[in-house]
Amino acid sequence: MTHVERQWIATGEQQRVDPDMLVDRLPDYDPRTGDHLWMIVTSYRVVPEQWQDRTHTPMLDRENLLSITVPCCYYCEQAWTKRLASRRCPGEPR
């Protein structure tokens, strides 16, 4: 691992992350399709001092897991239900 690379390890899986790489891969809302973007957000406990140390490999695993949200749509910010999933996404919170 070089100074411009960082490894993220969770339950044995390794993911290489380049600090200069754009990580935000959320697509823009497309009103033509009205598709929801379903997601589940997880939160992990981190130590800021270790986060800034390029030689430290943060552990994103069960021991540091703080919360997991219910599935929700990124665009309309509504929790998943069968009814909502069968409808077009309005594209913004109501």
PDB file of N, CA and C in Angstrom:
ATOM      1  N   MET A   1       0.854  -1.177   0.000  1.00  0.00           N
ATOM      2  CA  MET A   1       0.000   0.000   0.000  1.00  0.00           C
ATOM      3  C   MET A   1       0.895   1.235   0.000  1.00  0.00           C
ATOM      4  N   THR A   2       0.668   2.116  -0.953  1.00  0.00           N
ATOM      5  CA  THR A   2       1.447   3.343  -1.032  1.00  0.00           C
ATOM      6  C   THR A   2       0.755   4.454  -0.265  1.00  0.00           C
ATOM      7  N   HIS A   3       1.401   5.617  -0.207  1.00  0.00           N
ATOM      8  CA  HIS A   3       0.810   6.731   0.531  1.00  0.00           C
ATOM      9  C   HIS A   3      -0.441   7.294  -0.152  1.00  0.00           C
ATOM     10  N   VAL A   4      -0.678   6.988  -1.426  1.00  0.00           N
ATOM     11  CA  VAL A   4      -1.884   7.490  -2.100  1.00  0.00           C
ATOM     12  C   VAL A   4      -2.990   6.448  -2.157  1.00  0.00           C
ATOM     13  N   GLU A   5      -2.726   5.278  -1.605  1.00  0.00           N
ATOM     14  CA  GLU A   5      -3.741   4.235  -1.573  1.00  0.00           C
ATOM     15  C   GLU A   5      -4.122   3.940  -0.134  1.00  0.00           C
ATOM     16  N   ARG A   6      -5.326   3.435   0.046  1.00  0.00           N
ATOM     17  CA  ARG A   6      -5.788   3.050   1.375  1.00  0.00           C
ATOM     18  C   ARG A   6      -6.673   1.825   1.234  1.00  0.00           C
ATOM     19  N   GLN A   7      -6.556   0.890   2.145  1.00  0.00           N
ATOM     20  CA  GLN A   7      -7.369  -0.306   2.101  1.00  0.00           C
ATOM     21  C   GLN A   7      -8.470  -0.193   3.140  1.00  0.00           C
ATOM     22  N   TRP A   8      -9.641  -0.631   2.749  1.00  0.00           N
ATOM     23  CA  TRP A   8     -10.780  -0.699   3.653  1.00  0.00           C
ATOM     24  C   TRP A   8     -11.126  -2.172   3.765  1.00  0.00           C
ATOM     25  N   ILE A   9     -11.195  -2.681   4.978  1.00  0.00           N
ATOM     26  CA  ILE A   9     -11.412  -4.109   5.171  1.00  0.00           C
ATOM     27  C   ILE A   9     -12.684  -4.316   5.981  1.00  0.00           C
ATOM     28  N   ALA A  10     -13.549  -5.189   5.494  1.00  0.00           N
ATOM     29  CA  ALA A  10     -14.779  -5.526   6.210  1.00  0.00           C
ATOM     30  C   ALA A  10     -15.059  -7.001   6.000  1.00  0.00           C
ATOM     31  N   THR A  11     -15.126  -7.745   7.074  1.00  0.00           N
ATOM     32  CA  THR A  11     -15.412  -9.181   7.047  1.00  0.00           C
ATOM     33  C   THR A  11     -14.596  -9.930   6.002  1.00  0.00           C
ATOM     34  N   GLY A  12     -13.330  -9.610   5.902  1.00  0.00           N
ATOM     35  CA  GLY A  12     -12.451 -10.342   5.000  1.00  0.00           C
ATOM     36  C   GLY A  12     -12.394  -9.803   3.582  1.00  0.00           C
ATOM     37  N   GLU A  13     -13.298  -8.919   3.211  1.00  0.00           N
ATOM     38  CA  GLU A  13     -13.287  -8.335   1.870  1.00  0.00           C
ATOM     39  C   GLU A  13     -12.389  -7.098   1.889  1.00  0.00           C
ATOM     40  N   GLN A  14     -11.599  -6.905   0.860  1.00  0.00           N
ATOM     41  CA  GLN A  14     -10.742  -5.730   0.779  1.00  0.00           C
ATOM     42  C   GLN A  14     -11.178  -4.857  -0.376  1.00  0.00           C
ATOM     43  N   GLN A  15     -11.206  -3.552  -0.129  1.00  0.00           N
ATOM     44  CA  GLN A  15     -11.576  -2.584  -1.155  1.00  0.00           C
ATOM     45  C   GLN A  15     -10.512  -1.510  -1.193  1.00  0.00           C
ATOM     46  N   ARG A  16      -9.865  -1.332  -2.330  1.00  0.00           N
ATOM     47  CA  ARG A  16      -8.840  -0.294  -2.473  1.00  0.00           C
ATOM     48  C   ARG A  16      -9.535   1.032  -2.758  1.00  0.00           C
ATOM     49  N   VAL A  17      -9.175   2.062  -2.000  1.00  0.00           N
ATOM     50  CA  VAL A  17      -9.761   3.388  -2.184  1.00  0.00           C
ATOM     51  C   VAL A  17      -8.634   4.392  -2.362  1.00  0.00           C
ATOM     52  N   ASP A  18      -8.630   5.075  -3.481  1.00  0.00           N
ATOM     53  CA  ASP A  18      -7.662   6.125  -3.740  1.00  0.00           C
ATOM     54  C   ASP A  18      -8.231   7.420  -3.164  1.00  0.00           C
ATOM     55  N   PRO A  19      -7.525   8.082  -2.252  1.00  0.00           N
ATOM     56  CA  PRO A  19      -8.057   9.309  -1.625  1.00  0.00           C
ATOM     57  C   PRO A  19      -8.432  10.391  -2.628  1.00  0.00           C
ATOM     58  N   ASP A  20      -7.807  10.399  -3.792  1.00  0.00           N
ATOM     59  CA  ASP A  20      -8.106  11.411  -4.792  1.00  0.00           C
ATOM     60  C   ASP A  20      -9.301  11.023  -5.666  1.00  0.00           C
ATOM     61  N   MET A  21      -9.787   9.785  -5.503  1.00  0.00           N
ATOM     62  CA  MET A  21     -10.885   9.305  -6.323  1.00  0.00           C
ATOM     63  C   MET A  21     -12.214   9.860  -5.803  1.00  0.00           C
ATOM     64  N   LEU A  22     -13.083  10.227  -6.707  1.00  0.00           N
ATOM     65  CA  LEU A  22     -14.414  10.671  -6.333  1.00  0.00           C
ATOM     66  C   LEU A  22     -15.226   9.457  -5.923  1.00  0.00           C
ATOM     67  N   VAL A  23     -15.696   9.419  -4.680  1.00  0.00           N
ATOM     68  CA  VAL A  23     -16.398   8.255  -4.158  1.00  0.00           C
ATOM     69  C   VAL A  23     -17.904   8.373  -4.351  1.00  0.00           C
ATOM     70  N   ASP A  24     -18.423   9.583  -4.499  1.00  0.00           N
ATOM     71  CA  ASP A  24     -19.856   9.798  -4.648  1.00  0.00           C
ATOM     72  C   ASP A  24     -20.298   9.314  -6.031  1.00  0.00           C
ATOM     73  N   ARG A  25     -20.974   8.171  -6.067  1.00  0.00           N
ATOM     74  CA  ARG A  25     -21.405   7.582  -7.334  1.00  0.00           C
ATOM     75  C   ARG A  25     -22.920   7.567  -7.465  1.00  0.00           C
ATOM     76  N   LEU A  26     -23.597   8.480  -6.801  1.00  0.00           N
ATOM     77  CA  LEU A  26     -25.047   8.528  -6.854  1.00  0.00           C
ATOM     78  C   LEU A  26     -25.497   9.164  -8.168  1.00  0.00           C
ATOM     79  N   PRO A  27     -26.319   8.443  -8.937  1.00  0.00           N
ATOM     80  CA  PRO A  27     -26.785   9.017 -10.195  1.00  0.00           C
ATOM     81  C   PRO A  27     -27.828  10.108  -9.952  1.00  0.00           C
ATOM     82  N   ASP A  28     -27.892  11.059 -10.851  1.00  0.00           N
ATOM     83  CA  ASP A  28     -28.903  12.104 -10.766  1.00  0.00           C
ATOM     84  C   ASP A  28     -30.280  11.496 -11.002  1.00  0.00           C
ATOM     85  N   TYR A  29     -31.292  12.087 -10.392  1.00  0.00           N
ATOM     86  CA  TYR A  29     -32.670  11.635 -10.582  1.00  0.00           C
ATOM     87  C   TYR A  29     -33.081  11.856 -12.037  1.00  0.00           C
ATOM     88  N   ASP A  30     -33.729  10.869 -12.621  1.00  0.00           N
ATOM     89  CA  ASP A  30     -34.210  10.953 -13.999  1.00  0.00           C
ATOM     90  C   ASP A  30     -35.738  11.000 -13.987  1.00  0.00           C
ATOM     91  N   PRO A  31     -36.347  12.165 -14.225  1.00  0.00           N
ATOM     92  CA  PRO A  31     -37.808  12.267 -14.168  1.00  0.00           C
ATOM     93  C   PRO A  31     -38.498  11.453 -15.260  1.00  0.00           C
ATOM     94  N   ARG A  32     -37.778  11.082 -16.317  1.00  0.00           N
ATOM     95  CA  ARG A  32     -38.386  10.278 -17.388  1.00  0.00           C
ATOM     96  C   ARG A  32     -38.733   8.876 -16.906  1.00  0.00           C
ATOM     97  N   THR A  33     -37.892   8.309 -16.028  1.00  0.00           N
ATOM     98  CA  THR A  33     -38.142   6.940 -15.563  1.00  0.00           C
ATOM     99  C   THR A  33     -38.905   6.920 -14.251  1.00  0.00           C
ATOM    100  N   GLY A  34     -38.655   7.904 -13.373  1.00  0.00           N
ATOM    101  CA  GLY A  34     -39.296   7.916 -12.064  1.00  0.00           C
ATOM    102  C   GLY A  34     -38.813   6.800 -11.164  1.00  0.00           C
ATOM    103  N   ASP A  35     -37.625   6.262 -11.464  1.00  0.00           N
ATOM    104  CA  ASP A  35     -37.081   5.168 -10.661  1.00  0.00           C
ATOM    105  C   ASP A  35     -36.612   5.663  -9.297  1.00  0.00           C
ATOM    106  N   HIS A  36     -36.915   4.877  -8.273  1.00  0.00           N
ATOM    107  CA  HIS A  36     -36.374   5.141  -6.939  1.00  0.00           C
ATOM    108  C   HIS A  36     -34.921   4.671  -6.906  1.00  0.00           C
ATOM    109  N   LEU A  37     -34.123   5.240  -6.037  1.00  0.00           N
ATOM    110  CA  LEU A  37     -32.770   4.739  -5.776  1.00  0.00           C
ATOM    111  C   LEU A  37     -32.787   4.218  -4.345  1.00  0.00           C
ATOM    112  N   TRP A  38     -33.020   2.904  -4.204  1.00  0.00           N
ATOM    113  CA  TRP A  38     -33.126   2.290  -2.875  1.00  0.00           C
ATOM    114  C   TRP A  38     -31.738   2.107  -2.295  1.00  0.00           C
ATOM    115  N   MET A  39     -31.577   2.444  -1.030  1.00  0.00           N
ATOM    116  CA  MET A  39     -30.283   2.320  -0.371  1.00  0.00           C
ATOM    117  C   MET A  39     -30.464   2.011   1.106  1.00  0.00           C
ATOM    118  N   ILE A  40     -29.429   1.457   1.683  1.00  0.00           N
ATOM    119  CA  ILE A  40     -29.361   1.210   3.122  1.00  0.00           C
ATOM    120  C   ILE A  40     -28.085   1.881   3.607  1.00  0.00           C
ATOM    121  N   VAL A  41     -28.213   2.734   4.596  1.00  0.00           N
ATOM    122  CA  VAL A  41     -27.070   3.484   5.120  1.00  0.00           C
ATOM    123  C   VAL A  41     -26.563   2.803   6.384  1.00  0.00           C
ATOM    124  N   THR A  42     -25.260   2.602   6.439  1.00  0.00           N
ATOM    125  CA  THR A  42     -24.644   2.050   7.644  1.00  0.00           C
ATOM    126  C   THR A  42     -23.696   3.089   8.234  1.00  0.00           C
ATOM    127  N   SER A  43     -23.566   3.071   9.553  1.00  0.00           N
ATOM    128  CA  SER A  43     -22.677   3.998  10.251  1.00  0.00           C
ATOM    129  C   SER A  43     -21.669   3.205  11.058  1.00  0.00           C
ATOM    130  N   TYR A  44     -20.423   3.655  11.037  1.00  0.00           N
ATOM    131  CA  TYR A  44     -19.343   3.000  11.765  1.00  0.00           C
ATOM    132  C   TYR A  44     -18.651   3.986  12.691  1.00  0.00           C
ATOM    133  N   ARG A  45     -18.185   3.487  13.817  1.00  0.00           N
ATOM    134  CA  ARG A  45     -17.394   4.295  14.747  1.00  0.00           C
ATOM    135  C   ARG A  45     -15.971   4.378  14.193  1.00  0.00           C
ATOM    136  N   VAL A  46     -15.433   5.603  14.147  1.00  0.00           N
ATOM    137  CA  VAL A  46     -14.063   5.812  13.681  1.00  0.00           C
ATOM    138  C   VAL A  46     -13.313   6.694  14.673  1.00  0.00           C
ATOM    139  N   VAL A  47     -12.004   6.619  14.630  1.00  0.00           N
ATOM    140  CA  VAL A  47     -11.140   7.456  15.460  1.00  0.00           C
ATOM    141  C   VAL A  47     -10.453   8.450  14.519  1.00  0.00           C
ATOM    142  N   PRO A  48     -10.786   9.745  14.635  1.00  0.00           N
ATOM    143  CA  PRO A  48     -10.243  10.727  13.685  1.00  0.00           C
ATOM    144  C   PRO A  48      -8.721  10.711  13.557  1.00  0.00           C
ATOM    145  N   GLU A  49      -8.012  10.505  14.655  1.00  0.00           N
ATOM    146  CA  GLU A  49      -6.548  10.490  14.591  1.00  0.00           C
ATOM    147  C   GLU A  49      -6.062   9.338  13.715  1.00  0.00           C
ATOM    148  N   GLN A  50      -6.705   8.180  13.830  1.00  0.00           N
ATOM    149  CA  GLN A  50      -6.319   7.045  12.996  1.00  0.00           C
ATOM    150  C   GLN A  50      -6.763   7.257  11.551  1.00  0.00           C
ATOM    151  N   TRP A  51      -7.887   7.919  11.360  1.00  0.00           N
ATOM    152  CA  TRP A  51      -8.414   8.170  10.026  1.00  0.00           C
ATOM    153  C   TRP A  51      -7.417   8.978   9.198  1.00  0.00           C
ATOM    154  N   GLN A  52      -6.713   9.915   9.835  1.00  0.00           N
ATOM    155  CA  GLN A  52      -5.772  10.778   9.127  1.00  0.00           C
ATOM    156  C   GLN A  52      -4.409  10.136   8.938  1.00  0.00           C
ATOM    157  N   ASP A  53      -4.152   9.041   9.643  1.00  0.00           N
ATOM    158  CA  ASP A  53      -2.880   8.333   9.526  1.00  0.00           C
ATOM    159  C   ASP A  53      -2.939   7.415   8.306  1.00  0.00           C
ATOM    160  N   ARG A  54      -2.155   7.730   7.264  1.00  0.00           N
ATOM    161  CA  ARG A  54      -2.202   6.955   6.022  1.00  0.00           C
ATOM    162  C   ARG A  54      -1.662   5.536   6.183  1.00  0.00           C
ATOM    163  N   THR A  55      -0.974   5.247   7.273  1.00  0.00           N
ATOM    164  CA  THR A  55      -0.457   3.889   7.475  1.00  0.00           C
ATOM    165  C   THR A  55      -1.470   3.003   8.189  1.00  0.00           C
ATOM    166  N   HIS A  56      -2.547   3.600   8.709  1.00  0.00           N
ATOM    167  CA  HIS A  56      -3.563   2.848   9.431  1.00  0.00           C
ATOM    168  C   HIS A  56      -4.651   2.374   8.465  1.00  0.00           C
ATOM    169  N   THR A  57      -5.080   1.134   8.614  1.00  0.00           N
ATOM    170  CA  THR A  57      -6.163   0.591   7.802  1.00  0.00           C
ATOM    171  C   THR A  57      -7.428   0.556   8.652  1.00  0.00           C
ATOM    172  N   PRO A  58      -8.410   1.417   8.365  1.00  0.00           N
ATOM    173  CA  PRO A  58      -9.641   1.433   9.161  1.00  0.00           C
ATOM    174  C   PRO A  58     -10.402   0.118   9.017  1.00  0.00           C
ATOM    175  N   MET A  59     -10.999  -0.323  10.099  1.00  0.00           N
ATOM    176  CA  MET A  59     -11.788  -1.545  10.082  1.00  0.00           C
ATOM    177  C   MET A  59     -13.266  -1.167  10.064  1.00  0.00           C
ATOM    178  N   LEU A  60     -13.931  -1.484   8.985  1.00  0.00           N
ATOM    179  CA  LEU A  60     -15.369  -1.261   8.884  1.00  0.00           C
ATOM    180  C   LEU A  60     -16.015  -2.638   9.001  1.00  0.00           C
ATOM    181  N   ASP A  61     -16.182  -3.082  10.241  1.00  0.00           N
ATOM    182  CA  ASP A  61     -16.695  -4.425  10.493  1.00  0.00           C
ATOM    183  C   ASP A  61     -17.706  -4.406  11.630  1.00  0.00           C
ATOM    184  N   ARG A  62     -18.111  -5.557  12.068  1.00  0.00           N
ATOM    185  CA  ARG A  62     -19.167  -5.692  13.075  1.00  0.00           C
ATOM    186  C   ARG A  62     -18.820  -5.002  14.394  1.00  0.00           C
ATOM    187  N   GLU A  63     -17.564  -5.024  14.796  1.00  0.00           N
ATOM    188  CA  GLU A  63     -17.177  -4.421  16.073  1.00  0.00           C
ATOM    189  C   GLU A  63     -17.352  -2.903  16.073  1.00  0.00           C
ATOM    190  N   ASN A  64     -17.252  -2.266  14.916  1.00  0.00           N
ATOM    191  CA  ASN A  64     -17.366  -0.816  14.826  1.00  0.00           C
ATOM    192  C   ASN A  64     -18.706  -0.342  14.269  1.00  0.00           C
ATOM    193  N   LEU A  65     -19.590  -1.268  13.940  1.00  0.00           N
ATOM    194  CA  LEU A  65     -20.881  -0.927  13.358  1.00  0.00           C
ATOM    195  C   LEU A  65     -21.785  -0.281  14.409  1.00  0.00           C
ATOM    196  N   LEU A  66     -22.323   0.888  14.095  1.00  0.00           N
ATOM    197  CA  LEU A  66     -23.205   1.596  15.026  1.00  0.00           C
ATOM    198  C   LEU A  66     -24.670   1.463  14.657  1.00  0.00           C
ATOM    199  N   SER A  67     -24.995   1.572  13.371  1.00  0.00           N
ATOM    200  CA  SER A  67     -26.403   1.505  12.975  1.00  0.00           C
ATOM    201  C   SER A  67     -26.545   1.087  11.521  1.00  0.00           C
ATOM    202  N   ILE A  68     -27.726   0.549  11.220  1.00  0.00           N
ATOM    203  CA  ILE A  68     -28.126   0.215   9.859  1.00  0.00           C
ATOM    204  C   ILE A  68     -29.547   0.738   9.697  1.00  0.00           C
ATOM    205  N   THR A  69     -29.780   1.516   8.654  1.00  0.00           N
ATOM    206  CA  THR A  69     -31.119   2.068   8.448  1.00  0.00           C
ATOM    207  C   THR A  69     -31.989   1.087   7.662  1.00  0.00           C
ATOM    208  N   VAL A  70     -33.278   1.350   7.670  1.00  0.00           N
ATOM    209  CA  VAL A  70     -34.191   0.575   6.827  1.00  0.00           C
ATOM    210  C   VAL A  70     -33.971   1.018   5.388  1.00  0.00           C
ATOM    211  N   PRO A  71     -34.322   0.178   4.404  1.00  0.00           N
ATOM    212  CA  PRO A  71     -34.183   0.620   3.014  1.00  0.00           C
ATOM    213  C   PRO A  71     -35.023   1.871   2.767  1.00  0.00           C
ATOM    214  N   CYS A  72     -34.431   2.847   2.100  1.00  0.00           N
ATOM    215  CA  CYS A  72     -35.149   4.072   1.779  1.00  0.00           C
ATOM    216  C   CYS A  72     -34.670   4.588   0.433  1.00  0.00           C
ATOM    217  N   CYS A  73     -35.476   5.474  -0.147  1.00  0.00           N
ATOM    218  CA  CYS A  73     -35.136   6.055  -1.438  1.00  0.00           C
ATOM    219  C   CYS A  73     -34.275   7.301  -1.218  1.00  0.00           C
ATOM    220  N   TYR A  74     -33.167   7.364  -1.907  1.00  0.00           N
ATOM    221  CA  TYR A  74     -32.272   8.505  -1.792  1.00  0.00           C
ATOM    222  C   TYR A  74     -32.948   9.785  -2.274  1.00  0.00           C
ATOM    223  N   TYR A  75     -33.754   9.686  -3.323  1.00  0.00           N
ATOM    224  CA  TYR A  75     -34.349  10.881  -3.920  1.00  0.00           C
ATOM    225  C   TYR A  75     -35.521  11.437  -3.110  1.00  0.00           C
ATOM    226  N   CYS A  76     -36.516  10.589  -2.811  1.00  0.00           N
ATOM    227  CA  CYS A  76     -37.717  11.102  -2.128  1.00  0.00           C
ATOM    228  C   CYS A  76     -37.646  10.939  -0.606  1.00  0.00           C
ATOM    229  N   GLU A  77     -36.602  10.281  -0.110  1.00  0.00           N
ATOM    230  CA  GLU A  77     -36.340  10.121   1.328  1.00  0.00           C
ATOM    231  C   GLU A  77     -37.478   9.420   2.068  1.00  0.00           C
ATOM    232  N   GLN A  78     -38.133   8.476   1.403  1.00  0.00           N
ATOM    233  CA  GLN A  78     -39.201   7.699   2.017  1.00  0.00           C
ATOM    234  C   GLN A  78     -38.735   6.277   2.257  1.00  0.00           C
ATOM    235  N   ALA A  79     -39.165   5.691   3.366  1.00  0.00           N
ATOM    236  CA  ALA A  79     -38.820   4.299   3.669  1.00  0.00           C
ATOM    237  C   ALA A  79     -39.545   3.368   2.701  1.00  0.00           C
ATOM    238  N   TRP A  80     -38.899   2.243   2.389  1.00  0.00           N
ATOM    239  CA  TRP A  80     -39.451   1.280   1.443  1.00  0.00           C
ATOM    240  C   TRP A  80     -40.732   0.655   1.969  1.00  0.00           C
ATOM    241  N   THR A  81     -41.735   0.597   1.117  1.00  0.00           N
ATOM    242  CA  THR A  81     -42.953  -0.184   1.338  1.00  0.00           C
ATOM    243  C   THR A  81     -43.321  -0.761  -0.028  1.00  0.00           C
ATOM    244  N   LYS A  82     -44.134  -1.828  -0.035  1.00  0.00           N
ATOM    245  CA  LYS A  82     -44.563  -2.386  -1.318  1.00  0.00           C
ATOM    246  C   LYS A  82     -45.304  -1.334  -2.137  1.00  0.00           C
ATOM    247  N   ARG A  83     -46.139  -0.578  -1.452  1.00  0.00           N
ATOM    248  CA  ARG A  83     -46.933   0.447  -2.137  1.00  0.00           C
ATOM    249  C   ARG A  83     -46.031   1.510  -2.762  1.00  0.00           C
ATOM    250  N   LEU A  84     -45.064   2.029  -1.990  1.00  0.00           N
ATOM    251  CA  LEU A  84     -44.167   3.056  -2.516  1.00  0.00           C
ATOM    252  C   LEU A  84     -43.316   2.500  -3.654  1.00  0.00           C
ATOM    253  N   ALA A  85     -42.856   1.269  -3.530  1.00  0.00           N
ATOM    254  CA  ALA A  85     -42.014   0.666  -4.555  1.00  0.00           C
ATOM    255  C   ALA A  85     -42.744   0.509  -5.879  1.00  0.00           C
ATOM    256  N   SER A  86     -44.068   0.395  -5.836  1.00  0.00           N
ATOM    257  CA  SER A  86     -44.845   0.226  -7.067  1.00  0.00           C
ATOM    258  C   SER A  86     -45.196   1.563  -7.718  1.00  0.00           C
ATOM    259  N   ARG A  87     -44.868   2.668  -7.064  1.00  0.00           N
ATOM    260  CA  ARG A  87     -45.183   4.003  -7.590  1.00  0.00           C
ATOM    261  C   ARG A  87     -43.934   4.689  -8.127  1.00  0.00           C
ATOM    262  N   ARG A  88     -44.158   5.674  -8.974  1.00  0.00           N
ATOM    263  CA  ARG A  88     -43.049   6.482  -9.481  1.00  0.00           C
ATOM    264  C   ARG A  88     -42.471   7.334  -8.350  1.00  0.00           C
ATOM    265  N   CYS A  89     -41.197   7.553  -8.405  1.00  0.00           N
ATOM    266  CA  CYS A  89     -40.546   8.416  -7.423  1.00  0.00           C
ATOM    267  C   CYS A  89     -40.793   9.866  -7.822  1.00  0.00           C
ATOM    268  N   PRO A  90     -41.234  10.718  -6.874  1.00  0.00           N
ATOM    269  CA  PRO A  90     -41.443  12.128  -7.215  1.00  0.00           C
ATOM    270  C   PRO A  90     -40.128  12.888  -7.383  1.00  0.00           C
ATOM    271  N   GLY A  91     -39.031  12.305  -6.920  1.00  0.00           N
ATOM    272  CA  GLY A  91     -37.736  12.922  -7.131  1.00  0.00           C
ATOM    273  C   GLY A  91     -37.258  13.866  -6.064  1.00  0.00           C
ATOM    274  N   GLU A  92     -38.117  14.221  -5.136  1.00  0.00           N
ATOM    275  CA  GLU A  92     -37.698  15.096  -4.035  1.00  0.00           C
ATOM    276  C   GLU A  92     -38.607  14.826  -2.843  1.00  0.00           C
ATOM    277  N   PRO A  93     -38.135  15.137  -1.659  1.00  0.00           N
ATOM    278  CA  PRO A  93     -38.953  14.893  -0.463  1.00  0.00           C
ATOM    279  C   PRO A  93     -40.261  15.682  -0.518  1.00  0.00           C
ATOM    280  N   ARG A  94     -41.300  15.079   0.029  1.00  0.00           N
ATOM    281  CA  ARG A  94     -42.606  15.755   0.070  1.00  0.00           C
ATOM    282  C   ARG A  94     -42.736  16.580   1.311  1.00  0.00           C
TER     283      ARG A  94
END
